[in-house]
Amino acid sequence: MKFRRTSLAGVIVIEPDVHRDARGFFLESYHEEKYRDAGITGPFVQDNHSSSKRRTLRGLHAQLAPSQGKLVRVVRGEVLDVAVDVRVGSPTFGQHHAETLGADTHRQLWIPEGFLHGFLVLSDEAEVEYKVTSPYSPSGEIAVAWNDPELAIPWPESDPIVSERDASAPPLSSLRDRLPSY
């Protein structure tokens, strides 16, 4: 298993060892000790699973109270997964990391507390599963415009399918007083 650090402190790409043979494959999708040694700590308290069609963009979202880390993987299809640093005072505040996650590569992305998260479906359909470190709390969640010019995320789709909530999400600058400090 390989753990690759990104330019955003705390965001980690996980590449599991995949054992393939004529029957298919086997991999460890989570191993507490290995992940903990790499800086990915739980406990994980909830697993989520979404299914979306091509051009669907979900995000950008973060849960601030209680704060929430996410361990993301794709079990069918392919997505462009994005983490954005929203920790006030961080040297990488407002910067993002984009990673293609797919069922074929089994790559995962760890997004710690203090980051926005979103993904765009690149395949006909995609199923995304993610573990979270605190239960979902609607009152503690924020949404930021997926196309906020300040973030300058180069999404490969200019007209994605988004929810009504995501379509009306504000820019990051309007939420600065609610953001965590680094």
C-alpha atoms as a PDB file:
ATOM      1  CA  MET A   1       0.000   0.000   0.000  1.00  0.00           C
ATOM      2  CA  LYS A   2       1.365   3.423  -0.949  1.00  0.00           C
ATOM      3  CA  PHE A   3       0.463   6.728   0.703  1.00  0.00           C
ATOM      4  CA  ARG A   4       1.304   9.754  -1.452  1.00  0.00           C
ATOM      5  CA  ARG A   5       1.325  13.216   0.093  1.00  0.00           C
ATOM      6  CA  THR A   6      -0.091  16.078  -1.982  1.00  0.00           C
ATOM      7  CA  SER A   7       0.750  19.774  -2.018  1.00  0.00           C
ATOM      8  CA  LEU A   8      -2.062  20.329   0.516  1.00  0.00           C
ATOM      9  CA  ALA A   9      -0.977  19.390   4.044  1.00  0.00           C
ATOM     10  CA  GLY A  10      -3.023  16.426   5.238  1.00  0.00           C
ATOM     11  CA  VAL A  11      -4.548  15.428   1.884  1.00  0.00           C
ATOM     12  CA  ILE A  12      -3.253  11.962   1.000  1.00  0.00           C
ATOM     13  CA  VAL A  13      -3.687   9.702  -2.037  1.00  0.00           C
ATOM     14  CA  ILE A  14      -3.832   6.012  -1.165  1.00  0.00           C
ATOM     15  CA  GLU A  15      -2.847   3.373  -3.715  1.00  0.00           C
ATOM     16  CA  PRO A  16      -3.700  -0.071  -2.352  1.00  0.00           C
ATOM     17  CA  ASP A  17      -1.883  -3.229  -3.335  1.00  0.00           C
ATOM     18  CA  VAL A  18      -4.220  -4.989  -5.753  1.00  0.00           C
ATOM     19  CA  HIS A  19      -3.751  -8.739  -6.116  1.00  0.00           C
ATOM     20  CA  ARG A  20      -5.163  -9.852  -9.482  1.00  0.00           C
ATOM     21  CA  ASP A  21      -5.529 -13.283 -10.997  1.00  0.00           C
ATOM     22  CA  ALA A  22      -7.891 -15.119 -13.344  1.00  0.00           C
ATOM     23  CA  ARG A  23     -10.672 -14.936 -10.745  1.00  0.00           C
ATOM     24  CA  GLY A  24     -10.564 -11.159 -10.321  1.00  0.00           C
ATOM     25  CA  PHE A  25      -8.833  -9.141  -7.612  1.00  0.00           C
ATOM     26  CA  PHE A  26      -8.387  -8.698  -3.876  1.00  0.00           C
ATOM     27  CA  LEU A  27      -7.335  -5.593  -1.952  1.00  0.00           C
ATOM     28  CA  GLU A  28      -7.524  -4.087   1.509  1.00  0.00           C
ATOM     29  CA  SER A  29      -9.849  -1.084   1.235  1.00  0.00           C
ATOM     30  CA  TYR A  30      -9.005  -0.072   4.799  1.00  0.00           C
ATOM     31  CA  HIS A  31      -6.478  -1.215   7.394  1.00  0.00           C
ATOM     32  CA  GLU A  32      -6.579   0.828  10.604  1.00  0.00           C
ATOM     33  CA  GLU A  33      -2.940   0.431  11.606  1.00  0.00           C
ATOM     34  CA  LYS A  34      -1.518   1.184   8.137  1.00  0.00           C
ATOM     35  CA  TYR A  35      -3.769   4.206   7.678  1.00  0.00           C
ATOM     36  CA  ARG A  36      -3.043   5.501  11.185  1.00  0.00           C
ATOM     37  CA  ASP A  37       0.704   5.180  10.561  1.00  0.00           C
ATOM     38  CA  ALA A  38       0.219   7.284   7.414  1.00  0.00           C
ATOM     39  CA  GLY A  39      -1.614  10.007   9.379  1.00  0.00           C
ATOM     40  CA  ILE A  40      -5.186   8.995   8.545  1.00  0.00           C
ATOM     41  CA  THR A  41      -6.984   8.707  11.835  1.00  0.00           C
ATOM     42  CA  GLY A  42     -10.556   7.892  12.645  1.00  0.00           C
ATOM     43  CA  PRO A  43     -12.529   6.766  14.155  1.00  0.00           C
ATOM     44  CA  PHE A  44     -14.772   6.365  11.136  1.00  0.00           C
ATOM     45  CA  VAL A  45     -18.373   6.512  12.278  1.00  0.00           C
ATOM     46  CA  GLN A  46     -20.421   6.465   9.084  1.00  0.00           C
ATOM     47  CA  ASP A  47     -20.116   5.049   5.551  1.00  0.00           C
ATOM     48  CA  ASN A  48     -21.829   6.834   2.654  1.00  0.00           C
ATOM     49  CA  HIS A  49     -22.542   5.628  -0.888  1.00  0.00           C
ATOM     50  CA  SER A  50     -23.707   7.726  -3.838  1.00  0.00           C
ATOM     51  CA  SER A  51     -24.567   6.856  -7.412  1.00  0.00           C
ATOM     52  CA  SER A  52     -24.457   9.505 -10.132  1.00  0.00           C
ATOM     53  CA  LYS A  53     -24.546   9.762 -13.902  1.00  0.00           C
ATOM     54  CA  ARG A  54     -22.039  11.396 -16.274  1.00  0.00           C
ATOM     55  CA  ARG A  55     -21.538  15.173 -15.852  1.00  0.00           C
ATOM     56  CA  THR A  56     -22.959  15.153 -12.295  1.00  0.00           C
ATOM     57  CA  LEU A  57     -20.991  17.437 -10.005  1.00  0.00           C
ATOM     58  CA  ARG A  58     -21.547  17.035  -6.269  1.00  0.00           C
ATOM     59  CA  GLY A  59     -20.030  19.745  -4.106  1.00  0.00           C
ATOM     60  CA  LEU A  60     -18.211  21.688  -2.983  1.00  0.00           C
ATOM     61  CA  HIS A  61     -19.168  20.781   0.601  1.00  0.00           C
ATOM     62  CA  ALA A  62     -17.556  20.727   4.031  1.00  0.00           C
ATOM     63  CA  GLN A  63     -18.911  19.876   7.434  1.00  0.00           C
ATOM     64  CA  LEU A  64     -17.508  22.247  10.038  1.00  0.00           C
ATOM     65  CA  ALA A  65     -19.463  21.403  13.173  1.00  0.00           C
ATOM     66  CA  PRO A  66     -18.719  18.760  14.058  1.00  0.00           C
ATOM     67  CA  SER A  67     -15.790  18.791  11.660  1.00  0.00           C
ATOM     68  CA  GLN A  68     -15.519  15.833   9.355  1.00  0.00           C
ATOM     69  CA  GLY A  69     -12.731  14.010   7.517  1.00  0.00           C
ATOM     70  CA  LYS A  70     -13.521  11.811   4.494  1.00  0.00           C
ATOM     71  CA  LEU A  71     -11.863   8.745   3.033  1.00  0.00           C
ATOM     72  CA  VAL A  72     -13.171   8.574  -0.557  1.00  0.00           C
ATOM     73  CA  ARG A  73     -13.091   5.761  -3.109  1.00  0.00           C
ATOM     74  CA  VAL A  74     -14.914   4.872  -6.314  1.00  0.00           C
ATOM     75  CA  VAL A  75     -16.353   1.361  -6.646  1.00  0.00           C
ATOM     76  CA  ARG A  76     -17.856   1.814 -10.130  1.00  0.00           C
ATOM     77  CA  GLY A  77     -16.891   4.263 -12.855  1.00  0.00           C
ATOM     78  CA  GLU A  78     -14.566   7.240 -12.608  1.00  0.00           C
ATOM     79  CA  VAL A  79     -14.665  10.724 -11.058  1.00  0.00           C
ATOM     80  CA  LEU A  80     -12.489  13.770 -10.728  1.00  0.00           C
ATOM     81  CA  ASP A  81     -12.306  14.208  -6.955  1.00  0.00           C
ATOM     82  CA  VAL A  82     -11.353  17.613  -5.537  1.00  0.00           C
ATOM     83  CA  ALA A  83     -10.271  18.820  -2.089  1.00  0.00           C
ATOM     84  CA  VAL A  84     -10.000  22.555  -1.326  1.00  0.00           C
ATOM     85  CA  ASP A  85      -8.156  23.914   1.710  1.00  0.00           C
ATOM     86  CA  VAL A  86     -10.462  26.288   3.636  1.00  0.00           C
ATOM     87  CA  ARG A  87      -8.413  26.518   6.837  1.00  0.00           C
ATOM     88  CA  VAL A  88      -7.942  30.234   7.497  1.00  0.00           C
ATOM     89  CA  GLY A  89      -4.254  30.935   8.013  1.00  0.00           C
ATOM     90  CA  SER A  90      -3.096  27.861   6.095  1.00  0.00           C
ATOM     91  CA  PRO A  91      -0.329  28.581   3.560  1.00  0.00           C
ATOM     92  CA  THR A  92      -2.454  26.723   0.979  1.00  0.00           C
ATOM     93  CA  PHE A  93      -5.791  28.401   1.833  1.00  0.00           C
ATOM     94  CA  GLY A  94      -8.076  28.376  -1.224  1.00  0.00           C
ATOM     95  CA  GLN A  95      -5.852  25.957  -3.145  1.00  0.00           C
ATOM     96  CA  HIS A  96      -7.125  22.622  -4.401  1.00  0.00           C
ATOM     97  CA  HIS A  97      -5.928  19.133  -5.206  1.00  0.00           C
ATOM     98  CA  ALA A  98      -7.696  17.182  -7.970  1.00  0.00           C
ATOM     99  CA  GLU A  99      -7.290  13.430  -8.330  1.00  0.00           C
ATOM    100  CA  THR A 100      -8.926  11.003 -10.744  1.00  0.00           C
ATOM    101  CA  LEU A 101     -10.415   8.132  -8.768  1.00  0.00           C
ATOM    102  CA  GLY A 102     -11.771   5.079 -10.506  1.00  0.00           C
ATOM    103  CA  ALA A 103     -12.928   1.541  -9.937  1.00  0.00           C
ATOM    104  CA  ASP A 104     -10.093   0.300 -12.154  1.00  0.00           C
ATOM    105  CA  THR A 105      -7.292   1.931 -10.150  1.00  0.00           C
ATOM    106  CA  HIS A 106      -8.838   1.523  -6.670  1.00  0.00           C
ATOM    107  CA  ARG A 107      -7.056   4.752  -5.657  1.00  0.00           C
ATOM    108  CA  GLN A 108      -8.504   6.553  -2.599  1.00  0.00           C
ATOM    109  CA  LEU A 109      -8.305  10.131  -1.361  1.00  0.00           C
ATOM    110  CA  TRP A 110      -8.094  11.175   2.295  1.00  0.00           C
ATOM    111  CA  ILE A 111      -9.592  14.620   2.847  1.00  0.00           C
ATOM    112  CA  PRO A 112      -9.034  15.797   6.422  1.00  0.00           C
ATOM    113  CA  GLU A 113     -11.106  18.226   8.444  1.00  0.00           C
ATOM    114  CA  GLY A 114     -11.007  21.807   7.163  1.00  0.00           C
ATOM    115  CA  PHE A 115     -11.360  20.995   3.464  1.00  0.00           C
ATOM    116  CA  LEU A 116     -14.154  21.339   0.942  1.00  0.00           C
ATOM    117  CA  HIS A 117     -14.890  18.232  -1.102  1.00  0.00           C
ATOM    118  CA  GLY A 118     -16.545  17.709  -4.444  1.00  0.00           C
ATOM    119  CA  PHE A 119     -16.437  15.409  -7.433  1.00  0.00           C
ATOM    120  CA  LEU A 120     -17.419  15.341 -11.106  1.00  0.00           C
ATOM    121  CA  VAL A 121     -18.500  12.076 -12.740  1.00  0.00           C
ATOM    122  CA  LEU A 122     -16.367  11.320 -15.816  1.00  0.00           C
ATOM    123  CA  SER A 123     -17.833   7.906 -16.747  1.00  0.00           C
ATOM    124  CA  ASP A 124     -21.410   7.035 -17.796  1.00  0.00           C
ATOM    125  CA  GLU A 125     -22.172   6.293 -14.149  1.00  0.00           C
ATOM    126  CA  ALA A 126     -20.154   6.245 -10.957  1.00  0.00           C
ATOM    127  CA  GLU A 127     -20.622   4.951  -7.447  1.00  0.00           C
ATOM    128  CA  VAL A 128     -18.636   6.705  -4.742  1.00  0.00           C
ATOM    129  CA  GLU A 129     -18.201   5.387  -1.220  1.00  0.00           C
ATOM    130  CA  TYR A 130     -16.671   7.339   1.603  1.00  0.00           C
ATOM    131  CA  LYS A 131     -16.035   6.870   5.278  1.00  0.00           C
ATOM    132  CA  VAL A 132     -16.453   9.906   7.536  1.00  0.00           C
ATOM    133  CA  THR A 133     -15.099  10.769  10.967  1.00  0.00           C
ATOM    134  CA  SER A 134     -18.311  12.330  12.317  1.00  0.00           C
ATOM    135  CA  PRO A 135     -21.994  11.798  11.545  1.00  0.00           C
ATOM    136  CA  TYR A 136     -23.672  14.024   8.980  1.00  0.00           C
ATOM    137  CA  SER A 137     -25.010  17.240  10.488  1.00  0.00           C
ATOM    138  CA  PRO A 138     -26.970  19.472   8.080  1.00  0.00           C
ATOM    139  CA  SER A 139     -26.639  22.501  10.366  1.00  0.00           C
ATOM    140  CA  GLY A 140     -22.845  22.175  10.396  1.00  0.00           C
ATOM    141  CA  GLU A 141     -22.377  21.862   6.655  1.00  0.00           C
ATOM    142  CA  ILE A 142     -21.393  24.586   4.203  1.00  0.00           C
ATOM    143  CA  ALA A 143     -21.535  24.614   0.418  1.00  0.00           C
ATOM    144  CA  VAL A 144     -19.342  26.750  -1.845  1.00  0.00           C
ATOM    145  CA  ALA A 145     -19.938  27.482  -5.520  1.00  0.00           C
ATOM    146  CA  TRP A 146     -18.307  24.786  -7.617  1.00  0.00           C
ATOM    147  CA  ASN A 147     -17.285  27.420 -10.172  1.00  0.00           C
ATOM    148  CA  ASP A 148     -16.051  30.083  -7.731  1.00  0.00           C
ATOM    149  CA  PRO A 149     -13.491  32.066  -9.784  1.00  0.00           C
ATOM    150  CA  GLU A 150     -11.364  32.591  -6.659  1.00  0.00           C
ATOM    151  CA  LEU A 151     -10.802  28.811  -6.476  1.00  0.00           C
ATOM    152  CA  ALA A 152     -10.135  28.435 -10.235  1.00  0.00           C
ATOM    153  CA  ILE A 153     -10.733  24.681 -10.293  1.00  0.00           C
ATOM    154  CA  PRO A 154     -10.239  23.457 -13.876  1.00  0.00           C
ATOM    155  CA  TRP A 155     -13.307  21.208 -14.037  1.00  0.00           C
ATOM    156  CA  PRO A 156     -13.351  19.361 -17.396  1.00  0.00           C
ATOM    157  CA  GLU A 157     -17.079  20.085 -17.721  1.00  0.00           C
ATOM    158  CA  SER A 158     -18.377  23.649 -18.135  1.00  0.00           C
ATOM    159  CA  ASP A 159     -22.072  22.788 -17.747  1.00  0.00           C
ATOM    160  CA  PRO A 160     -22.338  20.016 -15.141  1.00  0.00           C
ATOM    161  CA  ILE A 161     -25.503  18.623 -13.622  1.00  0.00           C
ATOM    162  CA  VAL A 162     -25.756  20.085 -10.115  1.00  0.00           C
ATOM    163  CA  SER A 163     -28.377  20.126  -7.384  1.00  0.00           C
ATOM    164  CA  GLU A 164     -30.435  23.237  -6.792  1.00  0.00           C
ATOM    165  CA  ARG A 165     -28.515  23.805  -3.575  1.00  0.00           C
ATOM    166  CA  ASP A 166     -25.127  23.547  -5.291  1.00  0.00           C
ATOM    167  CA  ALA A 167     -26.279  25.807  -8.139  1.00  0.00           C
ATOM    168  CA  SER A 168     -27.034  28.575  -5.642  1.00  0.00           C
ATOM    169  CA  ALA A 169     -24.028  28.046  -3.342  1.00  0.00           C
ATOM    170  CA  PRO A 170     -22.118  31.243  -2.492  1.00  0.00           C
ATOM    171  CA  PRO A 171     -18.457  31.994  -3.190  1.00  0.00           C
ATOM    172  CA  LEU A 172     -15.879  31.060  -0.566  1.00  0.00           C
ATOM    173  CA  SER A 173     -15.243  34.705   0.328  1.00  0.00           C
ATOM    174  CA  SER A 174     -18.780  35.085   1.729  1.00  0.00           C
ATOM    175  CA  LEU A 175     -18.237  32.238   4.230  1.00  0.00           C
ATOM    176  CA  ARG A 176     -14.830  33.227   5.584  1.00  0.00           C
ATOM    177  CA  ASP A 177     -16.150  34.060   9.084  1.00  0.00           C
ATOM    178  CA  ARG A 178     -17.444  30.462   9.460  1.00  0.00           C
ATOM    179  CA  LEU A 179     -14.218  28.750   8.407  1.00  0.00           C
ATOM    180  CA  PRO A 180     -11.824  26.922  10.738  1.00  0.00           C
ATOM    181  CA  SER A 181      -8.447  28.373  11.644  1.00  0.00           C
ATOM    182  CA  TYR A 182      -5.236  26.592  10.800  1.00  0.00           C
END
